[in-house]
């Protein structure tokens, strides 16, 4: 389910509204410029995620870090 379709509690909605207002204010009141800035920030974060995923070993990503060989059955 997309984040926009999920029901929000009132405090979450207020926080999101305040954050949106801050983003618009940071761009001189221009909502279009705020959207562009957020898209650029999102692309940057997605690139960071791709870099981190490439740096993580495939064994770690498959969950073997929790103990592939369980010897204690206690």
Foldseek 3Di string as FASTA:
>chain_A
DDPVPDDDDPVVVVVVVVVLVVLCVVVVNDSVVSVVVVVVVVVVVVVVVVVVVVVDDPCVVVPCVVPPPDDDPD
